């Protein structure tokens, strides 16, 4: 079972915040 879109785009740290 592959992780969903939200699972890999919104980790516990930050999706776009850790640029």
C-alpha atoms as a PDB file:
ATOM      1  CA  UNK A   1       0.000   0.000   0.000  1.00  0.00           C
ATOM      2  CA  UNK A   2       1.476   3.293  -1.100  1.00  0.00           C
ATOM      3  CA  UNK A   3       1.226   6.448   1.012  1.00  0.00           C
ATOM      4  CA  UNK A   4      -1.421   8.920  -0.036  1.00  0.00           C
ATOM      5  CA  UNK A   5      -0.745  12.400  -1.390  1.00  0.00           C
ATOM      6  CA  UNK A   6      -1.321  14.077   1.958  1.00  0.00           C
ATOM      7  CA  UNK A   7       0.921  11.554   3.703  1.00  0.00           C
ATOM      8  CA  UNK A   8       4.010  12.493   1.706  1.00  0.00           C
ATOM      9  CA  UNK A   9       3.256  16.165   1.067  1.00  0.00           C
ATOM     10  CA  UNK A  10       2.406  17.084   4.647  1.00  0.00           C
ATOM     11  CA  UNK A  11       4.925  15.441   6.975  1.00  0.00           C
ATOM     12  CA  UNK A  12       5.222  16.368  10.661  1.00  0.00           C
ATOM     13  CA  UNK A  13       7.714  19.163   9.907  1.00  0.00           C
ATOM     14  CA  UNK A  14       6.443  21.202   6.951  1.00  0.00           C
ATOM     15  CA  UNK A  15       5.777  20.607   3.246  1.00  0.00           C
ATOM     16  CA  UNK A  16       6.875  23.880   1.667  1.00  0.00           C
ATOM     17  CA  UNK A  17       8.195  25.555   4.773  1.00  0.00           C
ATOM     18  CA  UNK A  18      11.496  23.707   4.732  1.00  0.00           C
ATOM     19  CA  UNK A  19      12.858  25.257   1.570  1.00  0.00           C
END
